[in-house]
Structures are given as C-alpha cells and as structure tokens.
Amino acid sequence: TQFVLYEDDGWSKAYLNGQVRTTRMEQALEGDIARV
C-alpha cells in the first residue's frame, strides 16, 4: 500500500502557488520482513 503526504508552511495560502512538498510512503509485508 502507499500514501502521499502533502506538507506546506501550515499558515499561509502559498500552497495555492505550488509551495508544497509531497512525500510518497509505501509498506509491504514480505514473508518475515516488513518494509516501509
């Protein structure tokens, strides 16, 4: 499975002009190893 985290400065509307960071995260349980 995966999830994309969106971050901005938390207080302005600068995100409307593209001031955003995205970070993709994935997880998978493969046998005896959980990968994140």
PDB file of all heavy atoms in Angstrom:
ATOM      1  N   THR A   1       0.861  -1.178   0.000  1.00  0.00           N
ATOM      2  CA  THR A   1       0.000   0.000   0.000  1.00  0.00           C
ATOM      3  C   THR A   1       0.901   1.233   0.000  1.00  0.00           C
ATOM      4  O   THR A   1       2.090   1.143   0.323  1.00  0.00           O
ATOM      5  CB  THR A   1      -0.938   0.035   1.223  1.00  0.00           C
ATOM      6  OG1 THR A   1      -0.145   0.003   2.417  1.00  0.00           O
ATOM      7  CG2 THR A   1      -1.908  -1.141   1.219  1.00  0.00           C
ATOM      8  N   GLN A   2       0.317   2.365  -0.347  1.00  0.00           N
ATOM      9  CA  GLN A   2       1.088   3.601  -0.354  1.00  0.00           C
ATOM     10  C   GLN A   2       0.230   4.768   0.111  1.00  0.00           C
ATOM     11  O   GLN A   2      -0.995   4.691   0.139  1.00  0.00           O
ATOM     12  CB  GLN A   2       1.676   3.877  -1.725  1.00  0.00           C
ATOM     13  CG  GLN A   2       0.676   4.200  -2.793  1.00  0.00           C
ATOM     14  CD  GLN A   2       1.349   4.550  -4.107  1.00  0.00           C
ATOM     15  OE1 GLN A   2       2.491   4.984  -4.157  1.00  0.00           O
ATOM     16  NE2 GLN A   2       0.623   4.379  -5.198  1.00  0.00           N
ATOM     17  N   PHE A   3       0.915   5.849   0.461  1.00  0.00           N
ATOM     18  CA  PHE A   3       0.277   7.073   0.924  1.00  0.00           C
ATOM     19  C   PHE A   3       1.162   8.228   0.486  1.00  0.00           C
ATOM     20  O   PHE A   3       2.392   8.112   0.504  1.00  0.00           O
ATOM     21  CB  PHE A   3       0.156   7.052   2.456  1.00  0.00           C
ATOM     22  CG  PHE A   3      -0.397   8.316   3.042  1.00  0.00           C
ATOM     23  CD1 PHE A   3      -1.763   8.542   3.076  1.00  0.00           C
ATOM     24  CD2 PHE A   3       0.441   9.280   3.568  1.00  0.00           C
ATOM     25  CE1 PHE A   3      -2.287   9.708   3.613  1.00  0.00           C
ATOM     26  CE2 PHE A   3      -0.070  10.453   4.110  1.00  0.00           C
ATOM     27  CZ  PHE A   3      -1.436  10.660   4.132  1.00  0.00           C
ATOM     28  N   VAL A   4       0.575   9.337   0.096  1.00  0.00           N
ATOM     29  CA  VAL A   4       1.344  10.524  -0.252  1.00  0.00           C
ATOM     30  C   VAL A   4       1.035  11.613   0.776  1.00  0.00           C
ATOM     31  O   VAL A   4      -0.120  12.006   0.947  1.00  0.00           O
ATOM     32  CB  VAL A   4       1.026  11.020  -1.675  1.00  0.00           C
ATOM     33  CG1 VAL A   4       1.813  12.299  -1.982  1.00  0.00           C
ATOM     34  CG2 VAL A   4       1.350   9.947  -2.707  1.00  0.00           C
ATOM     35  N   LEU A   5       2.072  12.055   1.459  1.00  0.00           N
ATOM     36  CA  LEU A   5       1.964  13.117   2.454  1.00  0.00           C
ATOM     37  C   LEU A   5       2.164  14.458   1.763  1.00  0.00           C
ATOM     38  O   LEU A   5       3.133  14.644   1.024  1.00  0.00           O
ATOM     39  CB  LEU A   5       3.035  12.931   3.535  1.00  0.00           C
ATOM     40  CG  LEU A   5       3.132  14.028   4.592  1.00  0.00           C
ATOM     41  CD1 LEU A   5       1.886  14.029   5.473  1.00  0.00           C
ATOM     42  CD2 LEU A   5       4.384  13.852   5.429  1.00  0.00           C
ATOM     43  N   TYR A   6       1.240  15.388   1.992  1.00  0.00           N
ATOM     44  CA  TYR A   6       1.350  16.751   1.489  1.00  0.00           C
ATOM     45  C   TYR A   6       1.688  17.663   2.652  1.00  0.00           C
ATOM     46  O   TYR A   6       1.017  17.615   3.684  1.00  0.00           O
ATOM     47  CB  TYR A   6       0.031  17.211   0.854  1.00  0.00           C
ATOM     48  CG  TYR A   6      -0.228  16.606  -0.495  1.00  0.00           C
ATOM     49  CD1 TYR A   6      -0.663  15.297  -0.621  1.00  0.00           C
ATOM     50  CD2 TYR A   6      -0.014  17.348  -1.655  1.00  0.00           C
ATOM     51  CE1 TYR A   6      -0.899  14.727  -1.865  1.00  0.00           C
ATOM     52  CE2 TYR A   6      -0.248  16.798  -2.910  1.00  0.00           C
ATOM     53  CZ  TYR A   6      -0.683  15.489  -3.004  1.00  0.00           C
ATOM     54  OH  TYR A   6      -0.910  14.932  -4.228  1.00  0.00           O
ATOM     55  N   GLU A   7       2.730  18.494   2.487  1.00  0.00           N
ATOM     56  CA  GLU A   7       3.143  19.430   3.533  1.00  0.00           C
ATOM     57  C   GLU A   7       3.238  20.837   2.941  1.00  0.00           C
ATOM     58  O   GLU A   7       3.655  21.005   1.797  1.00  0.00           O
ATOM     59  CB  GLU A   7       4.516  19.065   4.081  1.00  0.00           C
ATOM     60  CG  GLU A   7       4.608  17.715   4.740  1.00  0.00           C
ATOM     61  CD  GLU A   7       6.027  17.408   5.134  1.00  0.00           C
ATOM     62  OE1 GLU A   7       6.795  16.948   4.268  1.00  0.00           O
ATOM     63  OE2 GLU A   7       6.376  17.652   6.303  1.00  0.00           O
ATOM     64  N   ASP A   8       2.861  21.814   3.763  1.00  0.00           N
ATOM     65  CA  ASP A   8       3.079  23.211   3.396  1.00  0.00           C
ATOM     66  C   ASP A   8       3.498  23.961   4.659  1.00  0.00           C
ATOM     67  O   ASP A   8       3.759  23.345   5.686  1.00  0.00           O
ATOM     68  CB  ASP A   8       1.857  23.824   2.711  1.00  0.00           C
ATOM     69  CG  ASP A   8       0.622  23.863   3.598  1.00  0.00           C
ATOM     70  OD1 ASP A   8       0.756  23.759   4.842  1.00  0.00           O
ATOM     71  OD2 ASP A   8      -0.485  24.003   3.068  1.00  0.00           O
ATOM     72  N   ASP A   9       3.545  25.293   4.586  1.00  0.00           N
ATOM     73  CA  ASP A   9       4.037  26.050   5.743  1.00  0.00           C
ATOM     74  C   ASP A   9       3.066  26.052   6.917  1.00  0.00           C
ATOM     75  O   ASP A   9       3.413  26.440   8.017  1.00  0.00           O
ATOM     76  CB  ASP A   9       4.428  27.473   5.346  1.00  0.00           C
ATOM     77  CG  ASP A   9       3.268  28.307   4.826  1.00  0.00           C
ATOM     78  OD1 ASP A   9       2.092  27.993   5.135  1.00  0.00           O
ATOM     79  OD2 ASP A   9       3.525  29.285   4.100  1.00  0.00           O
ATOM     80  N   GLY A  10       1.824  25.623   6.700  1.00  0.00           N
ATOM     81  CA  GLY A  10       0.869  25.495   7.791  1.00  0.00           C
ATOM     82  C   GLY A  10       0.127  26.756   8.166  1.00  0.00           C
ATOM     83  O   GLY A  10      -0.708  26.721   9.065  1.00  0.00           O
ATOM     84  N   TRP A  11       0.407  27.864   7.498  1.00  0.00           N
ATOM     85  CA  TRP A  11      -0.277  29.083   7.907  1.00  0.00           C
ATOM     86  C   TRP A  11      -0.673  30.000   6.754  1.00  0.00           C
ATOM     87  O   TRP A  11      -1.593  30.790   6.881  1.00  0.00           O
ATOM     88  CB  TRP A  11       0.566  29.867   8.915  1.00  0.00           C
ATOM     89  CG  TRP A  11       1.942  30.194   8.426  1.00  0.00           C
ATOM     90  CD1 TRP A  11       3.063  29.438   8.563  1.00  0.00           C
ATOM     91  CD2 TRP A  11       2.342  31.348   7.686  1.00  0.00           C
ATOM     92  NE1 TRP A  11       4.131  30.039   7.952  1.00  0.00           N
ATOM     93  CE2 TRP A  11       3.721  31.230   7.413  1.00  0.00           C
ATOM     94  CE3 TRP A  11       1.685  32.471   7.230  1.00  0.00           C
ATOM     95  CZ2 TRP A  11       4.442  32.182   6.696  1.00  0.00           C
ATOM     96  CZ3 TRP A  11       2.398  33.424   6.515  1.00  0.00           C
ATOM     97  CH2 TRP A  11       3.769  33.267   6.266  1.00  0.00           C
ATOM     98  N   SER A  12      -0.003  29.927   5.610  1.00  0.00           N
ATOM     99  CA  SER A  12      -0.331  30.849   4.507  1.00  0.00           C
ATOM    100  C   SER A  12      -1.104  30.114   3.408  1.00  0.00           C
ATOM    101  O   SER A  12      -1.380  28.927   3.507  1.00  0.00           O
ATOM    102  CB  SER A  12       0.949  31.451   3.930  1.00  0.00           C
ATOM    103  OG  SER A  12       1.609  30.498   3.106  1.00  0.00           O
ATOM    104  N   LYS A  13      -1.402  30.859   2.343  1.00  0.00           N
ATOM    105  CA  LYS A  13      -2.052  30.269   1.170  1.00  0.00           C
ATOM    106  C   LYS A  13      -1.045  30.015   0.052  1.00  0.00           C
ATOM    107  O   LYS A  13      -1.406  29.852  -1.108  1.00  0.00           O
ATOM    108  CB  LYS A  13      -3.169  31.185   0.678  1.00  0.00           C
ATOM    109  CG  LYS A  13      -4.328  31.261   1.645  1.00  0.00           C
ATOM    110  CD  LYS A  13      -5.457  32.075   1.074  1.00  0.00           C
ATOM    111  CE  LYS A  13      -6.614  32.119   2.072  1.00  0.00           C
ATOM    112  NZ  LYS A  13      -7.736  32.904   1.535  1.00  0.00           N
ATOM    113  N   ALA A  14       0.239  29.957   0.395  1.00  0.00           N
ATOM    114  CA  ALA A  14       1.287  29.735  -0.608  1.00  0.00           C
ATOM    115  C   ALA A  14       1.124  28.393  -1.314  1.00  0.00           C
ATOM    116  O   ALA A  14       1.605  28.223  -2.439  1.00  0.00           O
ATOM    117  CB  ALA A  14       2.668  29.830   0.038  1.00  0.00           C
ATOM    118  N   TYR A  15       0.430  27.458  -0.695  1.00  0.00           N
ATOM    119  CA  TYR A  15       0.188  26.162  -1.340  1.00  0.00           C
ATOM    120  C   TYR A  15      -0.583  26.329  -2.645  1.00  0.00           C
ATOM    121  O   TYR A  15      -0.456  25.523  -3.569  1.00  0.00           O
ATOM    122  CB  TYR A  15      -0.553  25.207  -0.398  1.00  0.00           C
ATOM    123  CG  TYR A  15      -1.966  25.635  -0.062  1.00  0.00           C
ATOM    124  CD1 TYR A  15      -3.035  25.220  -0.831  1.00  0.00           C
ATOM    125  CD2 TYR A  15      -2.214  26.462   1.034  1.00  0.00           C
ATOM    126  CE1 TYR A  15      -4.328  25.617  -0.528  1.00  0.00           C
ATOM    127  CE2 TYR A  15      -3.492  26.870   1.336  1.00  0.00           C
ATOM    128  CZ  TYR A  15      -4.552  26.445   0.554  1.00  0.00           C
ATOM    129  OH  TYR A  15      -5.823  26.851   0.842  1.00  0.00           O
ATOM    130  N   LEU A  16      -1.372  27.409  -2.746  1.00  0.00           N
ATOM    131  CA  LEU A  16      -2.126  27.665  -3.974  1.00  0.00           C
ATOM    132  C   LEU A  16      -1.202  27.986  -5.150  1.00  0.00           C
ATOM    133  O   LEU A  16      -1.585  27.839  -6.309  1.00  0.00           O
ATOM    134  CB  LEU A  16      -3.114  28.815  -3.767  1.00  0.00           C
ATOM    135  CG  LEU A  16      -4.239  28.551  -2.763  1.00  0.00           C
ATOM    136  CD1 LEU A  16      -5.017  29.822  -2.475  1.00  0.00           C
ATOM    137  CD2 LEU A  16      -5.153  27.447  -3.279  1.00  0.00           C
ATOM    138  N   ASN A  17       0.019  28.414  -4.837  1.00  0.00           N
ATOM    139  CA  ASN A  17       1.026  28.727  -5.860  1.00  0.00           C
ATOM    140  C   ASN A  17       2.073  27.624  -5.972  1.00  0.00           C
ATOM    141  O   ASN A  17       3.163  27.856  -6.481  1.00  0.00           O
ATOM    142  CB  ASN A  17       1.702  30.068  -5.544  1.00  0.00           C
ATOM    143  CG  ASN A  17       0.716  31.213  -5.571  1.00  0.00           C
ATOM    144  OD1 ASN A  17      -0.150  31.266  -6.442  1.00  0.00           O
ATOM    145  ND2 ASN A  17       0.824  32.116  -4.612  1.00  0.00           N
ATOM    146  N   GLY A  18       1.754  26.446  -5.459  1.00  0.00           N
ATOM    147  CA  GLY A  18       2.648  25.296  -5.628  1.00  0.00           C
ATOM    148  C   GLY A  18       3.707  25.130  -4.558  1.00  0.00           C
ATOM    149  O   GLY A  18       4.581  24.277  -4.700  1.00  0.00           O
ATOM    150  N   GLN A  19       3.652  25.931  -3.497  1.00  0.00           N
ATOM    151  CA  GLN A  19       4.644  25.782  -2.441  1.00  0.00           C
ATOM    152  C   GLN A  19       4.218  24.651  -1.508  1.00  0.00           C
ATOM    153  O   GLN A  19       3.656  24.875  -0.433  1.00  0.00           O
ATOM    154  CB  GLN A  19       4.835  27.101  -1.697  1.00  0.00           C
ATOM    155  CG  GLN A  19       5.516  28.141  -2.564  1.00  0.00           C
ATOM    156  CD  GLN A  19       5.992  29.308  -1.769  1.00  0.00           C
ATOM    157  OE1 GLN A  19       6.289  29.210  -0.585  1.00  0.00           O
ATOM    158  NE2 GLN A  19       6.098  30.451  -2.427  1.00  0.00           N
ATOM    159  N   VAL A  20       4.485  23.442  -1.975  1.00  0.00           N
ATOM    160  CA  VAL A  20       4.073  22.212  -1.294  1.00  0.00           C
ATOM    161  C   VAL A  20       5.179  21.183  -1.465  1.00  0.00           C
ATOM    162  O   VAL A  20       5.858  21.154  -2.494  1.00  0.00           O
ATOM    163  CB  VAL A  20       2.768  21.659  -1.918  1.00  0.00           C
ATOM    164  CG1 VAL A  20       2.380  20.333  -1.306  1.00  0.00           C
ATOM    165  CG2 VAL A  20       1.639  22.655  -1.780  1.00  0.00           C
ATOM    166  N   ARG A  21       5.344  20.340  -0.480  1.00  0.00           N
ATOM    167  CA  ARG A  21       6.227  19.170  -0.605  1.00  0.00           C
ATOM    168  C   ARG A  21       5.356  17.935  -0.509  1.00  0.00           C
ATOM    169  O   ARG A  21       4.501  17.837   0.372  1.00  0.00           O
ATOM    170  CB  ARG A  21       7.281  19.136   0.492  1.00  0.00           C
ATOM    171  CG  ARG A  21       8.115  17.837   0.420  1.00  0.00           C
ATOM    172  CD  ARG A  21       9.172  17.749   1.477  1.00  0.00           C
ATOM    173  NE  ARG A  21      10.224  18.695   1.152  1.00  0.00           N
ATOM    174  CZ  ARG A  21      11.022  19.249   2.062  1.00  0.00           C
ATOM    175  NH1 ARG A  21      10.875  18.977   3.339  1.00  0.00           N
ATOM    176  NH2 ARG A  21      11.967  20.091   1.691  1.00  0.00           N
ATOM    177  N   THR A  22       5.573  17.000  -1.420  1.00  0.00           N
ATOM    178  CA  THR A  22       4.901  15.707  -1.338  1.00  0.00           C
ATOM    179  C   THR A  22       5.940  14.639  -1.061  1.00  0.00           C
ATOM    180  O   THR A  22       7.054  14.691  -1.592  1.00  0.00           O
ATOM    181  CB  THR A  22       4.140  15.364  -2.633  1.00  0.00           C
ATOM    182  OG1 THR A  22       5.054  15.338  -3.726  1.00  0.00           O
ATOM    183  CG2 THR A  22       3.028  16.371  -2.902  1.00  0.00           C
ATOM    184  N   THR A  23       5.564  13.687  -0.216  1.00  0.00           N
ATOM    185  CA  THR A  23       6.450  12.572   0.113  1.00  0.00           C
ATOM    186  C   THR A  23       5.637  11.288   0.038  1.00  0.00           C
ATOM    187  O   THR A  23       4.669  11.125   0.780  1.00  0.00           O
ATOM    188  CB  THR A  23       7.037  12.737   1.531  1.00  0.00           C
ATOM    189  OG1 THR A  23       7.680  14.015   1.626  1.00  0.00           O
ATOM    190  CG2 THR A  23       8.042  11.631   1.834  1.00  0.00           C
ATOM    191  N   ARG A  24       6.034  10.405  -0.875  1.00  0.00           N
ATOM    192  CA  ARG A  24       5.348   9.114  -1.025  1.00  0.00           C
ATOM    193  C   ARG A  24       5.952   8.119  -0.045  1.00  0.00           C
ATOM    194  O   ARG A  24       7.168   8.057   0.137  1.00  0.00           O
ATOM    195  CB  ARG A  24       5.488   8.599  -2.454  1.00  0.00           C
ATOM    196  CG  ARG A  24       4.719   7.324  -2.722  1.00  0.00           C
ATOM    197  CD  ARG A  24       4.658   7.005  -4.203  1.00  0.00           C
ATOM    198  NE  ARG A  24       5.950   6.985  -4.841  1.00  0.00           N
ATOM    199  CZ  ARG A  24       6.624   5.868  -5.129  1.00  0.00           C
ATOM    200  NH1 ARG A  24       6.121   4.696  -4.855  1.00  0.00           N
ATOM    201  NH2 ARG A  24       7.796   5.951  -5.717  1.00  0.00           N
ATOM    202  N   MET A  25       5.077   7.338   0.585  1.00  0.00           N
ATOM    203  CA  MET A  25       5.482   6.289   1.514  1.00  0.00           C
ATOM    204  C   MET A  25       4.793   4.992   1.110  1.00  0.00           C
ATOM    205  O   MET A  25       3.632   5.024   0.694  1.00  0.00           O
ATOM    206  CB  MET A  25       5.090   6.654   2.940  1.00  0.00           C
ATOM    207  CG  MET A  25       5.797   7.880   3.462  1.00  0.00           C
ATOM    208  SD  MET A  25       5.204   8.346   5.093  1.00  0.00           S
ATOM    209  CE  MET A  25       4.251   9.779   4.653  1.00  0.00           C
ATOM    210  N   GLU A  26       5.499   3.883   1.232  1.00  0.00           N
ATOM    211  CA  GLU A  26       4.935   2.575   0.915  1.00  0.00           C
ATOM    212  C   GLU A  26       5.238   1.601   2.035  1.00  0.00           C
ATOM    213  O   GLU A  26       6.222   1.753   2.754  1.00  0.00           O
ATOM    214  CB  GLU A  26       5.543   2.019  -0.381  1.00  0.00           C
ATOM    215  CG  GLU A  26       5.199   2.785  -1.613  1.00  0.00           C
ATOM    216  CD  GLU A  26       5.831   2.185  -2.863  1.00  0.00           C
ATOM    217  OE1 GLU A  26       6.655   1.246  -2.752  1.00  0.00           O
ATOM    218  OE2 GLU A  26       5.491   2.659  -3.962  1.00  0.00           O
ATOM    219  N   GLN A  27       4.395   0.579   2.149  1.00  0.00           N
ATOM    220  CA  GLN A  27       4.635  -0.513   3.085  1.00  0.00           C
ATOM    221  C   GLN A  27       4.299  -1.817   2.393  1.00  0.00           C
ATOM    222  O   GLN A  27       3.454  -1.852   1.494  1.00  0.00           O
ATOM    223  CB  GLN A  27       3.817  -0.358   4.361  1.00  0.00           C
ATOM    224  CG  GLN A  27       2.342  -0.696   4.257  1.00  0.00           C
ATOM    225  CD  GLN A  27       2.034  -2.178   4.212  1.00  0.00           C
ATOM    226  OE1 GLN A  27       2.646  -2.987   4.903  1.00  0.00           O
ATOM    227  NE2 GLN A  27       1.100  -2.554   3.362  1.00  0.00           N
ATOM    228  N   ALA A  28       4.976  -2.882   2.812  1.00  0.00           N
ATOM    229  CA  ALA A  28       4.662  -4.234   2.335  1.00  0.00           C
ATOM    230  C   ALA A  28       5.273  -5.233   3.311  1.00  0.00           C
ATOM    231  O   ALA A  28       6.405  -5.064   3.766  1.00  0.00           O
ATOM    232  CB  ALA A  28       5.207  -4.471   0.936  1.00  0.00           C
ATOM    233  N   LEU A  29       4.512  -6.243   3.631  1.00  0.00           N
ATOM    234  CA  LEU A  29       4.994  -7.336   4.469  1.00  0.00           C
ATOM    235  C   LEU A  29       5.334  -8.476   3.522  1.00  0.00           C
ATOM    236  O   LEU A  29       4.465  -9.016   2.844  1.00  0.00           O
ATOM    237  CB  LEU A  29       3.918  -7.753   5.473  1.00  0.00           C
ATOM    238  CG  LEU A  29       4.265  -8.874   6.438  1.00  0.00           C
ATOM    239  CD1 LEU A  29       5.480  -8.515   7.281  1.00  0.00           C
ATOM    240  CD2 LEU A  29       3.071  -9.166   7.345  1.00  0.00           C
ATOM    241  N   GLU A  30       6.622  -8.788   3.428  1.00  0.00           N
ATOM    242  CA  GLU A  30       7.117  -9.815   2.510  1.00  0.00           C
ATOM    243  C   GLU A  30       7.740 -10.933   3.332  1.00  0.00           C
ATOM    244  O   GLU A  30       8.899 -10.842   3.740  1.00  0.00           O
ATOM    245  CB  GLU A  30       8.134  -9.213   1.548  1.00  0.00           C
ATOM    246  CG  GLU A  30       7.585  -8.057   0.738  1.00  0.00           C
ATOM    247  CD  GLU A  30       8.657  -7.227   0.049  1.00  0.00           C
ATOM    248  OE1 GLU A  30       9.862  -7.398   0.369  1.00  0.00           O
ATOM    249  OE2 GLU A  30       8.293  -6.390  -0.785  1.00  0.00           O
ATOM    250  N   GLY A  31       6.962 -11.977   3.615  1.00  0.00           N
ATOM    251  CA  GLY A  31       7.466 -13.073   4.439  1.00  0.00           C
ATOM    252  C   GLY A  31       7.766 -12.596   5.840  1.00  0.00           C
ATOM    253  O   GLY A  31       6.886 -12.120   6.552  1.00  0.00           O
ATOM    254  N   ASP A  32       9.029 -12.678   6.238  1.00  0.00           N
ATOM    255  CA  ASP A  32       9.452 -12.282   7.580  1.00  0.00           C
ATOM    256  C   ASP A  32       9.972 -10.849   7.653  1.00  0.00           C
ATOM    257  O   ASP A  32      10.539 -10.451   8.678  1.00  0.00           O
ATOM    258  CB  ASP A  32      10.542 -13.236   8.085  1.00  0.00           C
ATOM    259  CG  ASP A  32      10.022 -14.637   8.339  1.00  0.00           C
ATOM    260  OD1 ASP A  32       8.804 -14.788   8.557  1.00  0.00           O
ATOM    261  OD2 ASP A  32      10.825 -15.589   8.330  1.00  0.00           O
ATOM    262  N   ILE A  33       9.817 -10.087   6.583  1.00  0.00           N
ATOM    263  CA  ILE A  33      10.337  -8.719   6.572  1.00  0.00           C
ATOM    264  C   ILE A  33       9.206  -7.741   6.254  1.00  0.00           C
ATOM    265  O   ILE A  33       8.536  -7.861   5.230  1.00  0.00           O
ATOM    266  CB  ILE A  33      11.471  -8.546   5.540  1.00  0.00           C
ATOM    267  CG1 ILE A  33      12.604  -9.546   5.817  1.00  0.00           C
ATOM    268  CG2 ILE A  33      11.993  -7.111   5.557  1.00  0.00           C
ATOM    269  CD1 ILE A  33      13.680  -9.557   4.760  1.00  0.00           C
ATOM    270  N   ALA A  34       9.007  -6.785   7.167  1.00  0.00           N
ATOM    271  CA  ALA A  34       8.081  -5.685   6.923  1.00  0.00           C
ATOM    272  C   ALA A  34       8.905  -4.520   6.398  1.00  0.00           C
ATOM    273  O   ALA A  34       9.881  -4.116   7.036  1.00  0.00           O
ATOM    274  CB  ALA A  34       7.347  -5.293   8.198  1.00  0.00           C
ATOM    275  N   ARG A  35       8.543  -4.020   5.240  1.00  0.00           N
ATOM    276  CA  ARG A  35       9.297  -2.929   4.625  1.00  0.00           C
ATOM    277  C   ARG A  35       8.456  -1.652   4.612  1.00  0.00           C
ATOM    278  O   ARG A  35       7.283  -1.684   4.248  1.00  0.00           O
ATOM    279  CB  ARG A  35       9.696  -3.294   3.206  1.00  0.00           C
ATOM    280  CG  ARG A  35      10.584  -4.521   3.146  1.00  0.00           C
ATOM    281  CD  ARG A  35      11.119  -4.757   1.734  1.00  0.00           C
ATOM    282  NE  ARG A  35      11.733  -6.056   1.607  1.00  0.00           N
ATOM    283  CZ  ARG A  35      12.936  -6.380   2.023  1.00  0.00           C
ATOM    284  NH1 ARG A  35      13.676  -5.467   2.622  1.00  0.00           N
ATOM    285  NH2 ARG A  35      13.421  -7.590   1.861  1.00  0.00           N
ATOM    286  N   VAL A  36       9.084  -0.569   5.010  1.00  0.00           N
ATOM    287  CA  VAL A  36       8.465   0.747   4.945  1.00  0.00           C
ATOM    288  C   VAL A  36       9.463   1.652   4.231  1.00  0.00           C
ATOM    289  O   VAL A  36      10.601   1.786   4.671  1.00  0.00           O
ATOM    290  CB  VAL A  36       8.150   1.312   6.345  1.00  0.00           C
ATOM    291  CG1 VAL A  36       7.563   2.710   6.242  1.00  0.00           C
ATOM    292  CG2 VAL A  36       7.221   0.375   7.108  1.00  0.00           C
TER     293      VAL A  36
END
